[in-house]
Amino acid sequence: MELAKWYDAWKDQDNGGYKYEVDVPGSEGRAPGVHASEIGCQRRIVYSIMRTERHPPPGQLDMKRRFNMGHAVHGMVQHDFHRMCDWLNHSGEVISFKDEVHISPELGGISAELDMHSSMDGEFCFWAPTAPAEYTCYLRVGLEIKTESGPQYEKLLSPRDYHMEQVNLYQRALDLPLMWTLYINKSNSNYTRSEPPWLFQFDHDLWNKKLEPRIIKAHVLAEQGRLPDRTEGFPCRWCPFTWTCQPPSLKRRKAYGPSPTITNPGALR
């Protein structure tokens, strides 16, 4: 629960003078199987298990820009936490940070059993000395970074349900007891602190009663070559399977055309 305080303390004394890289992943290169970011739509899980081709939906420039901004913020925060941990270790705290923690069947266990693939934004590890020059990690905390517009951020009272499902898969696959969902307000850079409800324990009921049965059913449907009913919503706008799913809601939206760009009178003179 001190992570946010440490982050603020490090940032307060930070003078810059460094560079960091931003990774913008593409959906076309994703491995077939179950992905945490797609777990909210069972049809999308089935498509992925069935190795259906992925094609980015056309006409979604606004979403591409939005995702690119999110990737840039991810790179910034991940780089910040690496530097924060280095700074803390000089102050006597022993903590490390790893970004882009990968999940794949190679992990064995539930990841291999359910063919799960994902990449978690980060993981903190707290170390304790167990022998001269030897340390043991005694606590691991996962990190998930999300960006929100100012108005949407102000409405947040707890992590969004579909984000809870996403990070629940991370926790199950990686045996993580704690997770911090760090929402960043894109308007003023405020962020959700490392305290409840943003910091929480693994939800056994969510996994056992909802997510694992959903994934198992998706595997059964894929083996049978059957598709479940559509789960339509805002994520259909950037789903790589819309070309074959053809959700009616997206067709209706296209019928009205893209949102107009508003130009100030005289701006082009």
Protein backbone atom coordinates (compact mmCIF):
# COMPACT_ATOMS: atom_id res chain seq x y z
CA MET A 1 0.00 0.00 0.00
CA GLU A 2 3.06 2.29 0.14
CA LEU A 3 3.78 1.98 -3.59
CA ALA A 4 1.89 5.15 -4.56
CA LYS A 5 3.62 7.15 -1.80
CA TRP A 6 7.00 5.88 -2.98
CA TYR A 7 6.09 6.75 -6.56
CA ASP A 8 5.22 10.32 -5.58
CA ALA A 9 8.37 10.68 -3.48
CA TRP A 10 10.57 9.47 -6.33
CA LYS A 11 8.81 11.68 -8.89
CA ASP A 12 9.18 14.72 -6.65
CA GLN A 13 12.98 14.47 -6.73
CA ASP A 14 13.30 13.25 -10.32
CA ASN A 15 15.04 15.72 -12.66
CA GLY A 16 14.57 13.82 -15.92
CA GLY A 17 17.43 13.38 -18.36
CA TYR A 18 16.49 9.96 -19.73
CA LYS A 19 14.66 8.24 -22.59
CA TYR A 20 12.26 5.31 -22.70
CA GLU A 21 10.83 3.14 -25.45
CA VAL A 22 7.15 2.65 -26.31
CA ASP A 23 5.97 -0.71 -27.60
CA VAL A 24 2.88 -0.64 -29.84
CA PRO A 25 1.86 -4.30 -30.27
CA GLY A 26 -0.36 -5.48 -33.10
CA SER A 27 -3.23 -7.94 -32.85
CA GLU A 28 -2.40 -9.80 -36.07
CA GLY A 29 0.67 -11.43 -34.54
CA ARG A 30 -1.18 -12.76 -31.50
CA ALA A 31 -0.94 -16.45 -30.77
CA PRO A 32 -4.20 -18.40 -31.00
CA GLY A 33 -5.71 -19.23 -27.63
CA VAL A 34 -7.18 -17.43 -24.65
CA HIS A 35 -6.13 -13.81 -24.07
CA ALA A 36 -6.97 -11.82 -20.94
CA SER A 37 -7.99 -8.70 -22.88
CA GLU A 38 -10.51 -10.75 -24.89
CA ILE A 39 -12.04 -12.72 -22.03
CA GLY A 40 -15.15 -10.53 -21.85
CA CYS A 41 -16.56 -11.90 -25.13
CA GLN A 42 -16.91 -15.66 -25.39
CA ARG A 43 -17.31 -15.56 -29.17
CA ARG A 44 -14.00 -13.73 -29.42
CA ILE A 45 -12.35 -16.43 -27.28
CA VAL A 46 -13.74 -19.12 -29.59
CA TYR A 47 -12.54 -17.30 -32.70
CA SER A 48 -9.04 -17.11 -31.23
CA ILE A 49 -8.96 -20.77 -30.19
CA MET A 50 -10.16 -21.73 -33.69
CA ARG A 51 -7.22 -19.80 -35.21
CA THR A 52 -9.50 -17.41 -37.07
CA GLU A 53 -7.57 -14.75 -38.98
CA ARG A 54 -7.31 -11.35 -37.32
CA HIS A 55 -7.89 -8.18 -39.34
CA PRO A 56 -7.98 -4.68 -37.83
CA PRO A 57 -11.41 -3.18 -38.49
CA PRO A 58 -11.30 -0.25 -40.95
CA GLY A 59 -12.38 3.27 -40.13
CA GLN A 60 -11.24 3.28 -36.50
CA LEU A 61 -8.64 6.02 -36.56
CA ASP A 62 -9.92 7.51 -33.31
CA MET A 63 -9.45 4.18 -31.52
CA LYS A 64 -5.97 3.70 -32.98
CA ARG A 65 -4.93 7.11 -31.68
CA ARG A 66 -6.49 6.34 -28.32
CA PHE A 67 -4.63 3.03 -28.04
CA ASN A 68 -1.36 4.64 -29.12
CA MET A 69 -1.74 7.22 -26.37
CA GLY A 70 -2.38 4.41 -23.89
CA HIS A 71 0.76 2.56 -25.03
CA ALA A 72 2.81 5.74 -24.59
CA VAL A 73 1.54 6.16 -21.02
CA HIS A 74 2.29 2.50 -20.29
CA GLY A 75 5.88 2.94 -21.44
CA MET A 76 6.28 6.05 -19.30
CA VAL A 77 4.89 4.48 -16.11
CA GLN A 78 6.84 1.24 -16.55
CA HIS A 79 10.07 3.20 -17.01
CA ASP A 80 9.19 5.32 -13.96
CA PHE A 81 8.77 2.23 -11.79
CA HIS A 82 12.12 0.79 -12.84
CA ARG A 83 13.80 4.03 -11.80
CA MET A 84 11.72 4.28 -8.63
CA CYS A 85 12.87 0.84 -7.49
CA ASP A 86 16.51 1.70 -8.18
CA TRP A 87 16.07 4.84 -6.07
CA LEU A 88 14.36 2.95 -3.24
CA ASN A 89 17.05 0.30 -3.14
CA HIS A 90 19.63 3.01 -2.50
CA SER A 91 17.46 4.10 0.45
CA GLY A 92 17.43 0.66 2.03
CA GLU A 93 14.21 -0.73 0.54
CA VAL A 94 14.69 -3.93 -1.42
CA ILE A 95 12.15 -4.03 -4.23
CA SER A 96 12.28 -4.82 -7.93
CA PHE A 97 9.98 -4.21 -10.89
CA LYS A 98 9.53 -6.26 -14.04
CA ASP A 99 7.48 -5.01 -16.97
CA GLU A 100 5.55 -7.03 -19.55
CA VAL A 101 5.26 -10.27 -17.59
CA HIS A 102 4.33 -12.90 -20.15
CA ILE A 103 1.76 -15.68 -19.79
CA SER A 104 1.85 -18.68 -22.13
CA PRO A 105 1.32 -22.45 -22.03
CA GLU A 106 5.07 -22.76 -21.41
CA LEU A 107 4.36 -21.77 -17.81
CA GLY A 108 2.58 -25.09 -17.35
CA GLY A 109 -0.29 -25.53 -14.94
CA ILE A 110 -3.53 -23.72 -15.72
CA SER A 111 -1.90 -21.72 -18.53
CA ALA A 112 -1.05 -24.91 -20.41
CA GLU A 113 -4.35 -26.57 -19.52
CA LEU A 114 -6.46 -23.73 -20.90
CA ASP A 115 -4.01 -22.46 -23.57
CA MET A 116 -3.71 -18.99 -22.05
CA HIS A 117 -1.58 -16.20 -23.57
CA SER A 118 -1.18 -12.65 -22.26
CA SER A 119 1.23 -9.98 -21.10
CA MET A 120 0.71 -8.23 -17.77
CA ASP A 121 1.93 -4.64 -17.48
CA GLY A 122 4.19 -5.24 -14.53
CA GLU A 123 5.05 -7.00 -11.29
CA PHE A 124 6.63 -5.72 -8.10
CA CYS A 125 8.67 -8.11 -6.00
CA PHE A 126 9.60 -7.41 -2.38
CA TRP A 127 12.84 -9.05 -1.23
CA ALA A 128 14.09 -10.03 2.22
CA PRO A 129 17.63 -11.13 3.18
CA THR A 130 17.75 -14.84 4.00
CA ALA A 131 21.52 -15.33 4.07
CA PRO A 132 24.64 -13.26 3.44
CA ALA A 133 24.27 -11.77 -0.05
CA GLU A 134 21.08 -13.80 -0.62
CA TYR A 135 17.51 -12.53 -0.90
CA THR A 136 14.12 -14.18 -1.21
CA CYS A 137 11.02 -12.66 -2.78
CA TYR A 138 8.36 -12.78 -0.08
CA LEU A 139 5.58 -10.74 -1.75
CA ARG A 140 4.57 -10.17 -5.37
CA VAL A 141 2.14 -7.47 -6.53
CA GLY A 142 0.85 -7.33 -10.09
CA LEU A 143 0.31 -4.05 -11.94
CA GLU A 144 -2.27 -3.17 -14.57
CA ILE A 145 -2.16 0.33 -16.10
CA LYS A 146 -5.28 1.90 -17.61
CA THR A 147 -5.91 5.38 -19.01
CA GLU A 148 -9.23 7.22 -18.73
CA SER A 149 -10.57 10.53 -19.98
CA GLY A 150 -11.15 13.14 -17.30
CA PRO A 151 -14.96 12.76 -17.12
CA GLN A 152 -14.78 8.94 -17.07
CA TYR A 153 -12.02 8.92 -14.46
CA GLU A 154 -14.09 11.08 -12.10
CA LYS A 155 -16.92 8.52 -12.27
CA LEU A 156 -14.69 5.63 -11.19
CA LEU A 157 -15.47 4.27 -7.74
CA SER A 158 -13.71 0.91 -8.22
CA PRO A 159 -12.01 -1.02 -11.05
CA ARG A 160 -14.26 -1.72 -14.02
CA ASP A 161 -15.81 -5.19 -14.09
CA TYR A 162 -14.18 -6.20 -17.38
CA HIS A 163 -10.80 -5.04 -16.10
CA MET A 164 -11.32 -7.16 -12.99
CA GLU A 165 -11.90 -10.17 -15.24
CA GLN A 166 -8.76 -9.42 -17.21
CA VAL A 167 -6.48 -9.13 -14.19
CA ASN A 168 -8.12 -12.14 -12.53
CA LEU A 169 -6.71 -14.26 -15.35
CA TYR A 170 -3.27 -12.74 -14.76
CA GLN A 171 -3.44 -13.53 -11.07
CA ARG A 172 -4.57 -17.11 -11.65
CA ALA A 173 -1.93 -17.84 -14.29
CA LEU A 174 0.92 -16.21 -12.34
CA ASP A 175 -0.21 -17.17 -8.83
CA LEU A 176 -0.35 -13.51 -7.83
CA PRO A 177 -1.99 -12.74 -4.47
CA LEU A 178 -2.30 -8.97 -5.02
CA MET A 179 -3.04 -6.68 -7.96
CA TRP A 180 -2.90 -2.89 -8.34
CA THR A 181 -5.09 -1.40 -11.07
CA LEU A 182 -3.54 1.99 -11.74
CA TYR A 183 -5.98 4.23 -13.63
CA ILE A 184 -4.49 7.48 -14.97
CA ASN A 185 -6.58 10.57 -15.68
CA LYS A 186 -5.46 11.79 -19.10
CA SER A 187 -6.68 15.30 -18.32
CA ASN A 188 -4.67 16.04 -15.17
CA SER A 189 -2.41 12.96 -14.61
CA ASN A 190 -4.07 12.00 -11.31
CA TYR A 191 -3.98 8.26 -10.67
CA THR A 192 -5.63 5.66 -8.44
CA ARG A 193 -3.58 4.92 -5.35
CA SER A 194 -2.17 1.58 -4.21
CA GLU A 195 -4.97 1.14 -1.69
CA PRO A 196 -8.35 -0.62 -1.76
CA PRO A 197 -10.37 -0.84 -3.95
CA TRP A 198 -7.57 -0.34 -6.48
CA LEU A 199 -5.30 -2.78 -4.65
CA PHE A 200 -7.05 -6.10 -4.07
CA GLN A 201 -6.58 -9.82 -3.49
CA PHE A 202 -7.27 -12.60 -5.97
CA ASP A 203 -11.02 -13.22 -6.34
CA HIS A 204 -11.44 -17.00 -6.15
CA ASP A 205 -15.19 -16.87 -6.83
CA LEU A 206 -14.74 -14.79 -9.97
CA TRP A 207 -12.35 -17.37 -11.37
CA ASN A 208 -14.03 -20.56 -10.17
CA LYS A 209 -17.65 -19.62 -10.86
CA LYS A 210 -17.38 -17.38 -13.91
CA LEU A 211 -14.12 -17.18 -15.84
CA GLU A 212 -12.86 -20.74 -15.79
CA PRO A 213 -16.27 -22.16 -16.82
CA ARG A 214 -16.47 -19.54 -19.60
CA ILE A 215 -13.04 -20.53 -20.94
CA ILE A 216 -13.76 -24.26 -20.71
CA LYS A 217 -17.03 -23.78 -22.59
CA ALA A 218 -15.20 -21.79 -25.26
CA HIS A 219 -12.79 -24.68 -25.80
CA VAL A 220 -15.71 -27.11 -26.10
CA LEU A 221 -17.47 -24.88 -28.64
CA ALA A 222 -14.26 -24.48 -30.64
CA GLU A 223 -13.79 -28.26 -30.76
CA GLN A 224 -17.37 -28.60 -32.01
CA GLY A 225 -16.93 -25.80 -34.55
CA ARG A 226 -19.79 -23.82 -33.01
CA LEU A 227 -20.01 -20.12 -32.22
CA PRO A 228 -21.74 -18.77 -29.10
CA ASP A 229 -24.18 -15.87 -29.24
CA ARG A 230 -22.70 -12.44 -29.83
CA THR A 231 -21.86 -10.17 -26.91
CA GLU A 232 -22.16 -6.77 -28.58
CA GLY A 233 -20.77 -3.60 -27.10
CA PHE A 234 -18.22 -0.83 -27.47
CA PRO A 235 -15.24 -3.26 -27.82
CA CYS A 236 -16.71 -4.45 -31.15
CA ARG A 237 -15.26 -1.27 -32.65
CA TRP A 238 -11.70 -2.58 -32.40
CA CYS A 239 -12.28 -6.35 -32.43
CA PRO A 240 -10.10 -8.08 -35.09
CA PHE A 241 -12.88 -10.58 -35.80
CA THR A 242 -15.62 -8.12 -36.85
CA TRP A 243 -14.94 -8.99 -40.49
CA THR A 244 -16.45 -12.43 -39.90
CA CYS A 245 -18.65 -11.80 -36.84
CA GLN A 246 -20.45 -8.87 -38.51
CA PRO A 247 -22.11 -7.46 -35.36
CA PRO A 248 -25.33 -5.60 -36.29
CA SER A 249 -24.52 -2.75 -33.90
CA LEU A 250 -21.34 -1.97 -35.84
CA LYS A 251 -23.22 -2.08 -39.13
CA ARG A 252 -25.75 0.43 -37.81
CA ARG A 253 -22.95 2.72 -36.68
CA LYS A 254 -21.30 2.58 -40.10
CA ALA A 255 -24.61 3.43 -41.74
CA TYR A 256 -24.42 6.87 -40.18
CA GLY A 257 -20.79 7.36 -41.20
CA PRO A 258 -17.86 8.59 -39.10
CA SER A 259 -18.24 11.41 -36.62
CA PRO A 260 -17.69 14.80 -38.28
CA THR A 261 -14.53 16.76 -37.57
CA ILE A 262 -15.47 20.17 -36.20
CA THR A 263 -13.38 23.01 -37.58
CA ASN A 264 -13.39 26.50 -36.15
CA PRO A 265 -14.66 29.03 -38.74
CA GLY A 266 -11.69 30.78 -40.28
CA ALA A 267 -9.16 28.31 -38.90
CA LEU A 268 -7.95 27.38 -42.39
CA ARG A 269 -7.51 30.95 -43.64
